[in-house]
């Protein structure tokens, strides 16, 4: 079935890498920001959207979480985990000299993932945040020598840049979770890919802050032996001290355990919303390298 996939662009982003790998025969459309990509799904301009949700080093991508909670509520129907390698990219005519670089361009998460490298080698350089790593590479192509970008090998190939310093991220186990969103709650499956796990993501809102409230919430899962792989609080944006919780459960939604949890928490005055039940897949390094060779 032919579908149109929206993603955080432009070309050369890690999101595009995920889309090319798991949707190779589909039409893809890039969007400059995460909200604009989510808007496109809501407005029916694309069938699916692929946006970053969490990085192993920097944590959650808050703009994704908050936009899906507070602005447009679309279900999560799939997850792709991509290994992240950040490189220092320069114009092919530039000198390989740290002192010659006065500005570094990239997405805020990429900058944060390479903080120690920048602190050690480029403390004099200005940092300019861009909507994506691909846009940072595009700016270096436009401006020429004297500036650098942080991005992947696809960005280097796409914009004709040189990888001067490879693998500059501070920690080796660098991965990013990308979620697939859709107006249709039908789960996305990739039969030829290796599935990691099944997940269900919930939003739980407490009626008020009181002693033992979070313990009561977690107990509803614990005595049912439901494993939680993540729990995170985010502000409700209604005043200080008001939070909701995002909880990832490592199993698909069923007709027994999850309704039981929901009923138990609602008795406590909590609101429970299922954000999605979906399969999680991993982009392996060997496939990523093949994708790099064949795509650009």
C-alpha atoms as a PDB file:
ATOM      1  CA  UNK A   1       0.000   0.000   0.000  1.00  0.00           C
ATOM      2  CA  UNK A   2       1.477   3.338  -1.068  1.00  0.00           C
ATOM      3  CA  UNK A   3       1.731   5.914   1.718  1.00  0.00           C
ATOM      4  CA  UNK A   4       3.185   9.382   2.183  1.00  0.00           C
ATOM      5  CA  UNK A   5       5.573   9.839   5.108  1.00  0.00           C
ATOM      6  CA  UNK A   6       6.291  13.192   6.741  1.00  0.00           C
ATOM      7  CA  UNK A   7       9.570  13.659   8.604  1.00  0.00           C
ATOM      8  CA  UNK A   8      11.771  16.256  10.259  1.00  0.00           C
ATOM      9  CA  UNK A   9      13.967  17.485   7.416  1.00  0.00           C
ATOM     10  CA  UNK A  10      15.615  18.623   5.296  1.00  0.00           C
ATOM     11  CA  UNK A  11      17.570  15.777   3.701  1.00  0.00           C
ATOM     12  CA  UNK A  12      20.472  14.449   5.719  1.00  0.00           C
ATOM     13  CA  UNK A  13      18.740  14.256   9.106  1.00  0.00           C
ATOM     14  CA  UNK A  14      18.673  11.168  11.306  1.00  0.00           C
ATOM     15  CA  UNK A  15      14.890  11.166  10.892  1.00  0.00           C
ATOM     16  CA  UNK A  16      15.351  10.869   7.130  1.00  0.00           C
ATOM     17  CA  UNK A  17      17.723   7.969   7.743  1.00  0.00           C
ATOM     18  CA  UNK A  18      15.003   6.181   9.723  1.00  0.00           C
ATOM     19  CA  UNK A  19      12.388   6.885   7.030  1.00  0.00           C
ATOM     20  CA  UNK A  20      14.632   5.698   4.171  1.00  0.00           C
ATOM     21  CA  UNK A  21      15.406   2.487   6.017  1.00  0.00           C
ATOM     22  CA  UNK A  22      11.900   1.474   7.067  1.00  0.00           C
ATOM     23  CA  UNK A  23       9.835   3.069   4.280  1.00  0.00           C
ATOM     24  CA  UNK A  24      12.126   2.658   1.221  1.00  0.00           C
ATOM     25  CA  UNK A  25       9.349   2.453  -1.360  1.00  0.00           C
ATOM     26  CA  UNK A  26       7.126   5.207   0.050  1.00  0.00           C
ATOM     27  CA  UNK A  27       6.963   8.897  -0.817  1.00  0.00           C
ATOM     28  CA  UNK A  28       8.519  11.094   1.882  1.00  0.00           C
ATOM     29  CA  UNK A  29       8.044  14.814   2.518  1.00  0.00           C
ATOM     30  CA  UNK A  30      10.342  16.877   4.732  1.00  0.00           C
ATOM     31  CA  UNK A  31       9.171  19.503   7.231  1.00  0.00           C
ATOM     32  CA  UNK A  32      11.302  22.173   8.844  1.00  0.00           C
ATOM     33  CA  UNK A  33      10.120  21.567  12.408  1.00  0.00           C
ATOM     34  CA  UNK A  34       8.574  18.848  14.561  1.00  0.00           C
ATOM     35  CA  UNK A  35       5.287  20.765  15.057  1.00  0.00           C
ATOM     36  CA  UNK A  36       4.893  21.327  11.304  1.00  0.00           C
ATOM     37  CA  UNK A  37       5.385  17.592  10.688  1.00  0.00           C
ATOM     38  CA  UNK A  38       2.775  16.700  13.317  1.00  0.00           C
ATOM     39  CA  UNK A  39       0.412  19.329  11.866  1.00  0.00           C
ATOM     40  CA  UNK A  40       0.780  17.723   8.433  1.00  0.00           C
ATOM     41  CA  UNK A  41      -0.407  14.370   9.812  1.00  0.00           C
ATOM     42  CA  UNK A  42      -3.351  15.983  11.577  1.00  0.00           C
ATOM     43  CA  UNK A  43      -4.357  17.902   8.437  1.00  0.00           C
ATOM     44  CA  UNK A  44      -4.147  14.796   6.233  1.00  0.00           C
ATOM     45  CA  UNK A  45      -1.280  16.099   4.106  1.00  0.00           C
ATOM     46  CA  UNK A  46       0.687  12.915   4.896  1.00  0.00           C
ATOM     47  CA  UNK A  47      -0.413   9.472   6.065  1.00  0.00           C
ATOM     48  CA  UNK A  48       2.284   9.018   8.704  1.00  0.00           C
ATOM     49  CA  UNK A  49       4.757  11.227  10.530  1.00  0.00           C
ATOM     50  CA  UNK A  50       8.171  10.244  11.918  1.00  0.00           C
ATOM     51  CA  UNK A  51       9.536  12.476  14.691  1.00  0.00           C
ATOM     52  CA  UNK A  52      12.252  12.078  17.377  1.00  0.00           C
ATOM     53  CA  UNK A  53      11.015  11.326  20.888  1.00  0.00           C
ATOM     54  CA  UNK A  54      14.038  10.490  23.040  1.00  0.00           C
ATOM     55  CA  UNK A  55      17.833  10.380  22.892  1.00  0.00           C
ATOM     56  CA  UNK A  56      19.931   8.080  25.063  1.00  0.00           C
ATOM     57  CA  UNK A  57      22.254  10.944  26.078  1.00  0.00           C
ATOM     58  CA  UNK A  58      20.004  14.006  26.212  1.00  0.00           C
ATOM     59  CA  UNK A  59      16.700  12.415  27.201  1.00  0.00           C
ATOM     60  CA  UNK A  60      13.270  13.281  25.873  1.00  0.00           C
ATOM     61  CA  UNK A  61      12.631  15.637  22.975  1.00  0.00           C
ATOM     62  CA  UNK A  62      10.245  17.849  24.893  1.00  0.00           C
ATOM     63  CA  UNK A  63       8.806  19.656  21.882  1.00  0.00           C
ATOM     64  CA  UNK A  64       7.530  16.312  20.554  1.00  0.00           C
ATOM     65  CA  UNK A  65       6.018  15.232  23.866  1.00  0.00           C
ATOM     66  CA  UNK A  66       4.430  18.575  24.652  1.00  0.00           C
ATOM     67  CA  UNK A  67       3.023  19.103  21.164  1.00  0.00           C
ATOM     68  CA  UNK A  68       1.426  15.655  21.130  1.00  0.00           C
ATOM     69  CA  UNK A  69      -0.059  16.240  24.590  1.00  0.00           C
ATOM     70  CA  UNK A  70      -1.076  19.891  24.583  1.00  0.00           C
ATOM     71  CA  UNK A  71      -1.693  20.703  20.916  1.00  0.00           C
ATOM     72  CA  UNK A  72      -2.527  17.730  18.698  1.00  0.00           C
ATOM     73  CA  UNK A  73      -3.285  14.298  20.119  1.00  0.00           C
ATOM     74  CA  UNK A  74      -2.276  11.686  17.572  1.00  0.00           C
ATOM     75  CA  UNK A  75      -1.656   8.028  18.472  1.00  0.00           C
ATOM     76  CA  UNK A  76       1.798   6.464  18.349  1.00  0.00           C
ATOM     77  CA  UNK A  77       1.627   3.465  15.987  1.00  0.00           C
ATOM     78  CA  UNK A  78       5.294   2.429  15.770  1.00  0.00           C
ATOM     79  CA  UNK A  79       8.804   3.096  17.016  1.00  0.00           C
ATOM     80  CA  UNK A  80      12.216   3.045  15.325  1.00  0.00           C
ATOM     81  CA  UNK A  81      15.484   3.142  17.293  1.00  0.00           C
ATOM     82  CA  UNK A  82      18.467   4.484  15.345  1.00  0.00           C
ATOM     83  CA  UNK A  83      22.158   4.415  16.394  1.00  0.00           C
ATOM     84  CA  UNK A  84      23.470   7.971  16.333  1.00  0.00           C
ATOM     85  CA  UNK A  85      26.960   8.965  15.149  1.00  0.00           C
ATOM     86  CA  UNK A  86      27.729  12.670  15.203  1.00  0.00           C
ATOM     87  CA  UNK A  87      30.531  14.076  13.023  1.00  0.00           C
ATOM     88  CA  UNK A  88      32.126  17.496  12.652  1.00  0.00           C
ATOM     89  CA  UNK A  89      31.372  18.608   9.090  1.00  0.00           C
ATOM     90  CA  UNK A  90      33.200  21.382   7.226  1.00  0.00           C
ATOM     91  CA  UNK A  91      33.172  22.861   3.735  1.00  0.00           C
ATOM     92  CA  UNK A  92      35.517  20.945   1.364  1.00  0.00           C
ATOM     93  CA  UNK A  93      37.523  24.139   0.781  1.00  0.00           C
ATOM     94  CA  UNK A  94      37.964  24.838   4.504  1.00  0.00           C
ATOM     95  CA  UNK A  95      41.225  24.478   6.432  1.00  0.00           C
ATOM     96  CA  UNK A  96      41.397  21.633   8.908  1.00  0.00           C
ATOM     97  CA  UNK A  97      42.172  24.024  11.725  1.00  0.00           C
ATOM     98  CA  UNK A  98      40.039  24.501  14.836  1.00  0.00           C
ATOM     99  CA  UNK A  99      41.022  28.166  15.066  1.00  0.00           C
ATOM    100  CA  UNK A 100      39.604  28.794  11.597  1.00  0.00           C
ATOM    101  CA  UNK A 101      36.089  27.796  12.743  1.00  0.00           C
ATOM    102  CA  UNK A 102      34.166  30.690  14.281  1.00  0.00           C
ATOM    103  CA  UNK A 103      30.639  29.174  14.329  1.00  0.00           C
ATOM    104  CA  UNK A 104      29.159  25.688  14.720  1.00  0.00           C
ATOM    105  CA  UNK A 105      25.622  24.977  13.497  1.00  0.00           C
ATOM    106  CA  UNK A 106      23.373  22.089  14.533  1.00  0.00           C
ATOM    107  CA  UNK A 107      20.237  21.008  16.363  1.00  0.00           C
ATOM    108  CA  UNK A 108      20.272  21.650  20.117  1.00  0.00           C
ATOM    109  CA  UNK A 109      20.295  17.926  20.939  1.00  0.00           C
ATOM    110  CA  UNK A 110      23.263  17.278  18.640  1.00  0.00           C
ATOM    111  CA  UNK A 111      25.157  20.184  20.219  1.00  0.00           C
ATOM    112  CA  UNK A 112      24.442  18.801  23.696  1.00  0.00           C
ATOM    113  CA  UNK A 113      25.543  15.292  22.682  1.00  0.00           C
ATOM    114  CA  UNK A 114      28.950  16.720  21.684  1.00  0.00           C
ATOM    115  CA  UNK A 115      29.404  19.148  24.587  1.00  0.00           C
ATOM    116  CA  UNK A 116      32.769  17.805  25.758  1.00  0.00           C
ATOM    117  CA  UNK A 117      34.253  17.838  22.253  1.00  0.00           C
ATOM    118  CA  UNK A 118      33.142  21.431  21.703  1.00  0.00           C
ATOM    119  CA  UNK A 119      34.396  22.465  25.141  1.00  0.00           C
ATOM    120  CA  UNK A 120      37.823  20.934  24.479  1.00  0.00           C
ATOM    121  CA  UNK A 121      38.423  21.804  20.830  1.00  0.00           C
ATOM    122  CA  UNK A 122      36.139  24.720  19.931  1.00  0.00           C
ATOM    123  CA  UNK A 123      35.617  26.812  23.086  1.00  0.00           C
ATOM    124  CA  UNK A 124      36.059  30.000  21.036  1.00  0.00           C
ATOM    125  CA  UNK A 125      33.365  29.162  18.480  1.00  0.00           C
ATOM    126  CA  UNK A 126      29.837  30.547  18.601  1.00  0.00           C
ATOM    127  CA  UNK A 127      27.051  27.964  18.751  1.00  0.00           C
ATOM    128  CA  UNK A 128      24.029  28.487  16.509  1.00  0.00           C
ATOM    129  CA  UNK A 129      21.023  26.207  16.950  1.00  0.00           C
ATOM    130  CA  UNK A 130      19.144  25.012  13.871  1.00  0.00           C
ATOM    131  CA  UNK A 131      15.789  23.184  13.491  1.00  0.00           C
ATOM    132  CA  UNK A 132      17.634  20.007  12.453  1.00  0.00           C
ATOM    133  CA  UNK A 133      21.139  18.641  11.888  1.00  0.00           C
ATOM    134  CA  UNK A 134      20.393  18.630   8.154  1.00  0.00           C
ATOM    135  CA  UNK A 135      19.704  22.355   8.189  1.00  0.00           C
ATOM    136  CA  UNK A 136      23.039  22.929   9.964  1.00  0.00           C
ATOM    137  CA  UNK A 137      24.851  21.110   7.165  1.00  0.00           C
ATOM    138  CA  UNK A 138      22.922  23.096   4.578  1.00  0.00           C
ATOM    139  CA  UNK A 139      24.075  26.369   6.181  1.00  0.00           C
ATOM    140  CA  UNK A 140      27.721  25.281   6.040  1.00  0.00           C
ATOM    141  CA  UNK A 141      27.295  24.531   2.329  1.00  0.00           C
ATOM    142  CA  UNK A 142      25.864  28.031   1.835  1.00  0.00           C
ATOM    143  CA  UNK A 143      28.407  29.943   3.950  1.00  0.00           C
ATOM    144  CA  UNK A 144      31.589  28.108   2.968  1.00  0.00           C
ATOM    145  CA  UNK A 145      34.825  27.991   5.019  1.00  0.00           C
ATOM    146  CA  UNK A 146      34.923  29.359   8.556  1.00  0.00           C
ATOM    147  CA  UNK A 147      31.890  27.503   9.887  1.00  0.00           C
ATOM    148  CA  UNK A 148      31.142  23.880  10.774  1.00  0.00           C
ATOM    149  CA  UNK A 149      28.149  21.659  11.412  1.00  0.00           C
ATOM    150  CA  UNK A 150      27.463  18.630  13.555  1.00  0.00           C
ATOM    151  CA  UNK A 151      25.597  15.905  11.687  1.00  0.00           C
ATOM    152  CA  UNK A 152      25.719  12.468  10.130  1.00  0.00           C
ATOM    153  CA  UNK A 153      27.348  11.026   7.019  1.00  0.00           C
ATOM    154  CA  UNK A 154      24.125  11.428   5.025  1.00  0.00           C
ATOM    155  CA  UNK A 155      24.203  15.171   5.684  1.00  0.00           C
ATOM    156  CA  UNK A 156      27.850  15.309   4.580  1.00  0.00           C
ATOM    157  CA  UNK A 157      27.081  13.464   1.337  1.00  0.00           C
ATOM    158  CA  UNK A 158      23.873  15.387   0.679  1.00  0.00           C
ATOM    159  CA  UNK A 159      25.486  18.824   0.956  1.00  0.00           C
ATOM    160  CA  UNK A 160      28.963  18.026  -0.348  1.00  0.00           C
ATOM    161  CA  UNK A 161      30.731  18.508   2.990  1.00  0.00           C
ATOM    162  CA  UNK A 162      33.811  16.825   4.420  1.00  0.00           C
ATOM    163  CA  UNK A 163      33.749  14.766   7.607  1.00  0.00           C
ATOM    164  CA  UNK A 164      36.727  16.272   9.384  1.00  0.00           C
ATOM    165  CA  UNK A 165      36.293  14.646  12.814  1.00  0.00           C
ATOM    166  CA  UNK A 166      34.094  11.525  12.991  1.00  0.00           C
ATOM    167  CA  UNK A 167      32.256  10.271  16.099  1.00  0.00           C
ATOM    168  CA  UNK A 168      32.549  13.399  18.237  1.00  0.00           C
ATOM    169  CA  UNK A 169      29.601  12.536  20.529  1.00  0.00           C
ATOM    170  CA  UNK A 170      30.586  12.309  24.184  1.00  0.00           C
ATOM    171  CA  UNK A 171      29.244   8.784  24.853  1.00  0.00           C
ATOM    172  CA  UNK A 172      29.439   5.771  22.509  1.00  0.00           C
ATOM    173  CA  UNK A 173      26.017   4.246  23.242  1.00  0.00           C
ATOM    174  CA  UNK A 174      24.119   7.005  21.468  1.00  0.00           C
ATOM    175  CA  UNK A 175      20.662   6.094  20.146  1.00  0.00           C
ATOM    176  CA  UNK A 176      17.486   8.009  19.360  1.00  0.00           C
ATOM    177  CA  UNK A 177      13.883   6.795  19.531  1.00  0.00           C
ATOM    178  CA  UNK A 178      11.708   7.936  16.644  1.00  0.00           C
ATOM    179  CA  UNK A 179       7.953   7.459  16.880  1.00  0.00           C
ATOM    180  CA  UNK A 180       5.560   6.962  13.999  1.00  0.00           C
ATOM    181  CA  UNK A 181       2.302   8.872  14.411  1.00  0.00           C
ATOM    182  CA  UNK A 182      -0.933   8.576  12.466  1.00  0.00           C
ATOM    183  CA  UNK A 183      -4.595   9.586  12.613  1.00  0.00           C
ATOM    184  CA  UNK A 184      -5.337   5.875  12.207  1.00  0.00           C
ATOM    185  CA  UNK A 185      -4.600   3.800  15.327  1.00  0.00           C
ATOM    186  CA  UNK A 186      -3.666   0.736  13.248  1.00  0.00           C
ATOM    187  CA  UNK A 187      -0.247  -0.458  14.392  1.00  0.00           C
ATOM    188  CA  UNK A 188       2.653  -0.264  11.917  1.00  0.00           C
ATOM    189  CA  UNK A 189       4.570  -3.520  11.494  1.00  0.00           C
ATOM    190  CA  UNK A 190       7.723  -4.275   9.500  1.00  0.00           C
ATOM    191  CA  UNK A 191       7.687  -8.052   8.899  1.00  0.00           C
ATOM    192  CA  UNK A 192      11.240  -8.130   7.502  1.00  0.00           C
ATOM    193  CA  UNK A 193      12.751  -6.212  10.426  1.00  0.00           C
ATOM    194  CA  UNK A 194      13.842  -7.431  13.844  1.00  0.00           C
ATOM    195  CA  UNK A 195      11.324  -6.408  16.479  1.00  0.00           C
ATOM    196  CA  UNK A 196      12.746  -5.429  19.887  1.00  0.00           C
ATOM    197  CA  UNK A 197       9.590  -5.344  21.974  1.00  0.00           C
ATOM    198  CA  UNK A 198       5.957  -4.323  22.175  1.00  0.00           C
ATOM    199  CA  UNK A 199       5.154  -1.151  24.091  1.00  0.00           C
ATOM    200  CA  UNK A 200       2.183   0.794  25.378  1.00  0.00           C
ATOM    201  CA  UNK A 201       2.584   4.443  26.313  1.00  0.00           C
ATOM    202  CA  UNK A 202       0.215   6.048  28.803  1.00  0.00           C
ATOM    203  CA  UNK A 203      -0.349   9.547  30.124  1.00  0.00           C
ATOM    204  CA  UNK A 204      -1.406   9.672  33.771  1.00  0.00           C
ATOM    205  CA  UNK A 205      -2.565  12.897  35.403  1.00  0.00           C
ATOM    206  CA  UNK A 206      -2.831  13.065  39.200  1.00  0.00           C
ATOM    207  CA  UNK A 207      -5.841  14.822  40.743  1.00  0.00           C
ATOM    208  CA  UNK A 208      -3.526  16.730  43.102  1.00  0.00           C
ATOM    209  CA  UNK A 209      -0.146  16.458  44.770  1.00  0.00           C
ATOM    210  CA  UNK A 210      -0.404  14.421  47.951  1.00  0.00           C
ATOM    211  CA  UNK A 211       1.834  12.106  49.946  1.00  0.00           C
ATOM    212  CA  UNK A 212       2.195   8.690  48.313  1.00  0.00           C
ATOM    213  CA  UNK A 213       0.351   9.617  45.094  1.00  0.00           C
ATOM    214  CA  UNK A 214       3.070   8.403  42.726  1.00  0.00           C
ATOM    215  CA  UNK A 215       3.585   5.274  44.819  1.00  0.00           C
ATOM    216  CA  UNK A 216      -0.110   4.430  44.438  1.00  0.00           C
ATOM    217  CA  UNK A 217       0.129   4.911  40.662  1.00  0.00           C
ATOM    218  CA  UNK A 218       3.169   2.652  40.335  1.00  0.00           C
ATOM    219  CA  UNK A 219       1.627   0.021  42.605  1.00  0.00           C
ATOM    220  CA  UNK A 220      -1.209  -0.475  40.123  1.00  0.00           C
ATOM    221  CA  UNK A 221       1.381  -1.744  37.645  1.00  0.00           C
ATOM    222  CA  UNK A 222       3.690  -3.480  40.119  1.00  0.00           C
ATOM    223  CA  UNK A 223       1.282  -5.990  41.641  1.00  0.00           C
ATOM    224  CA  UNK A 224       0.164  -6.951  38.115  1.00  0.00           C
ATOM    225  CA  UNK A 225       3.855  -7.604  37.267  1.00  0.00           C
ATOM    226  CA  UNK A 226       3.796  -5.089  34.389  1.00  0.00           C
ATOM    227  CA  UNK A 227       7.316  -3.861  33.610  1.00  0.00           C
ATOM    228  CA  UNK A 228       7.754  -0.095  33.183  1.00  0.00           C
ATOM    229  CA  UNK A 229      10.691   0.873  30.951  1.00  0.00           C
ATOM    230  CA  UNK A 230      10.240   4.617  31.452  1.00  0.00           C
ATOM    231  CA  UNK A 231       8.411   7.115  33.642  1.00  0.00           C
ATOM    232  CA  UNK A 232       8.766  10.850  33.159  1.00  0.00           C
ATOM    233  CA  UNK A 233       6.991  13.893  34.557  1.00  0.00           C
ATOM    234  CA  UNK A 234       6.098  16.911  32.440  1.00  0.00           C
ATOM    235  CA  UNK A 235       4.427  20.169  33.486  1.00  0.00           C
ATOM    236  CA  UNK A 236       0.710  20.536  32.832  1.00  0.00           C
ATOM    237  CA  UNK A 237       1.365  24.221  32.019  1.00  0.00           C
ATOM    238  CA  UNK A 238      -1.444  25.170  34.413  1.00  0.00           C
ATOM    239  CA  UNK A 239       0.769  26.340  37.271  1.00  0.00           C
ATOM    240  CA  UNK A 240       3.793  25.335  39.337  1.00  0.00           C
ATOM    241  CA  UNK A 241       3.562  21.866  40.865  1.00  0.00           C
ATOM    242  CA  UNK A 242       1.029  20.517  38.333  1.00  0.00           C
ATOM    243  CA  UNK A 243       2.429  17.571  36.382  1.00  0.00           C
ATOM    244  CA  UNK A 244       1.401  14.636  34.260  1.00  0.00           C
ATOM    245  CA  UNK A 245       3.379  11.415  33.857  1.00  0.00           C
ATOM    246  CA  UNK A 246       4.377   9.609  30.675  1.00  0.00           C
ATOM    247  CA  UNK A 247       4.735   5.880  31.331  1.00  0.00           C
ATOM    248  CA  UNK A 248       6.078   3.246  28.918  1.00  0.00           C
ATOM    249  CA  UNK A 249       4.934  -0.320  29.635  1.00  0.00           C
ATOM    250  CA  UNK A 250       6.821  -3.147  27.928  1.00  0.00           C
ATOM    251  CA  UNK A 251       3.824  -5.043  26.619  1.00  0.00           C
ATOM    252  CA  UNK A 252       0.966  -4.509  24.160  1.00  0.00           C
ATOM    253  CA  UNK A 253      -2.409  -3.238  25.307  1.00  0.00           C
ATOM    254  CA  UNK A 254      -4.738  -6.072  26.323  1.00  0.00           C
ATOM    255  CA  UNK A 255      -8.323  -6.463  27.501  1.00  0.00           C
ATOM    256  CA  UNK A 256      -7.493  -7.459  31.087  1.00  0.00           C
ATOM    257  CA  UNK A 257      -4.424  -5.837  32.667  1.00  0.00           C
ATOM    258  CA  UNK A 258      -4.617  -2.354  31.161  1.00  0.00           C
ATOM    259  CA  UNK A 259      -8.346  -1.850  31.784  1.00  0.00           C
ATOM    260  CA  UNK A 260      -7.689  -2.999  35.358  1.00  0.00           C
ATOM    261  CA  UNK A 261      -4.904  -0.433  35.787  1.00  0.00           C
ATOM    262  CA  UNK A 262      -7.066   2.292  34.270  1.00  0.00           C
ATOM    263  CA  UNK A 263     -10.005   1.486  36.559  1.00  0.00           C
ATOM    264  CA  UNK A 264      -7.795   1.374  39.661  1.00  0.00           C
ATOM    265  CA  UNK A 265      -6.168   4.716  38.884  1.00  0.00           C
ATOM    266  CA  UNK A 266      -9.464   6.383  38.031  1.00  0.00           C
ATOM    267  CA  UNK A 267     -10.784   5.376  41.461  1.00  0.00           C
ATOM    268  CA  UNK A 268      -7.855   7.399  42.863  1.00  0.00           C
ATOM    269  CA  UNK A 269      -8.983  10.378  40.793  1.00  0.00           C
ATOM    270  CA  UNK A 270      -6.329  10.025  38.082  1.00  0.00           C
ATOM    271  CA  UNK A 271      -6.944  10.544  34.384  1.00  0.00           C
ATOM    272  CA  UNK A 272      -5.429   7.858  32.130  1.00  0.00           C
ATOM    273  CA  UNK A 273      -4.929   8.264  28.375  1.00  0.00           C
ATOM    274  CA  UNK A 274      -3.451   5.635  26.053  1.00  0.00           C
ATOM    275  CA  UNK A 275      -1.038   7.456  23.729  1.00  0.00           C
ATOM    276  CA  UNK A 276      -0.312   4.336  21.714  1.00  0.00           C
ATOM    277  CA  UNK A 277       0.372   0.619  21.675  1.00  0.00           C
ATOM    278  CA  UNK A 278       3.030  -0.296  19.136  1.00  0.00           C
ATOM    279  CA  UNK A 279       6.026  -2.382  18.078  1.00  0.00           C
ATOM    280  CA  UNK A 280       9.608  -1.167  18.493  1.00  0.00           C
ATOM    281  CA  UNK A 281      12.292  -1.853  15.853  1.00  0.00           C
ATOM    282  CA  UNK A 282      16.042  -1.229  15.742  1.00  0.00           C
ATOM    283  CA  UNK A 283      18.056   0.054  12.788  1.00  0.00           C
ATOM    284  CA  UNK A 284      21.223  -2.053  12.940  1.00  0.00           C
ATOM    285  CA  UNK A 285      24.592  -0.554  12.069  1.00  0.00           C
ATOM    286  CA  UNK A 286      25.136  -2.885   9.073  1.00  0.00           C
ATOM    287  CA  UNK A 287      21.855  -1.830   7.491  1.00  0.00           C
ATOM    288  CA  UNK A 288      22.601   1.804   8.271  1.00  0.00           C
ATOM    289  CA  UNK A 289      25.959   1.572   6.462  1.00  0.00           C
ATOM    290  CA  UNK A 290      24.283  -0.054   3.452  1.00  0.00           C
ATOM    291  CA  UNK A 291      21.659   2.690   3.445  1.00  0.00           C
ATOM    292  CA  UNK A 292      24.367   5.353   3.455  1.00  0.00           C
ATOM    293  CA  UNK A 293      26.097   3.781   0.470  1.00  0.00           C
ATOM    294  CA  UNK A 294      22.949   3.318  -1.625  1.00  0.00           C
ATOM    295  CA  UNK A 295      20.846   6.372  -0.794  1.00  0.00           C
ATOM    296  CA  UNK A 296      23.151   9.304  -1.404  1.00  0.00           C
END
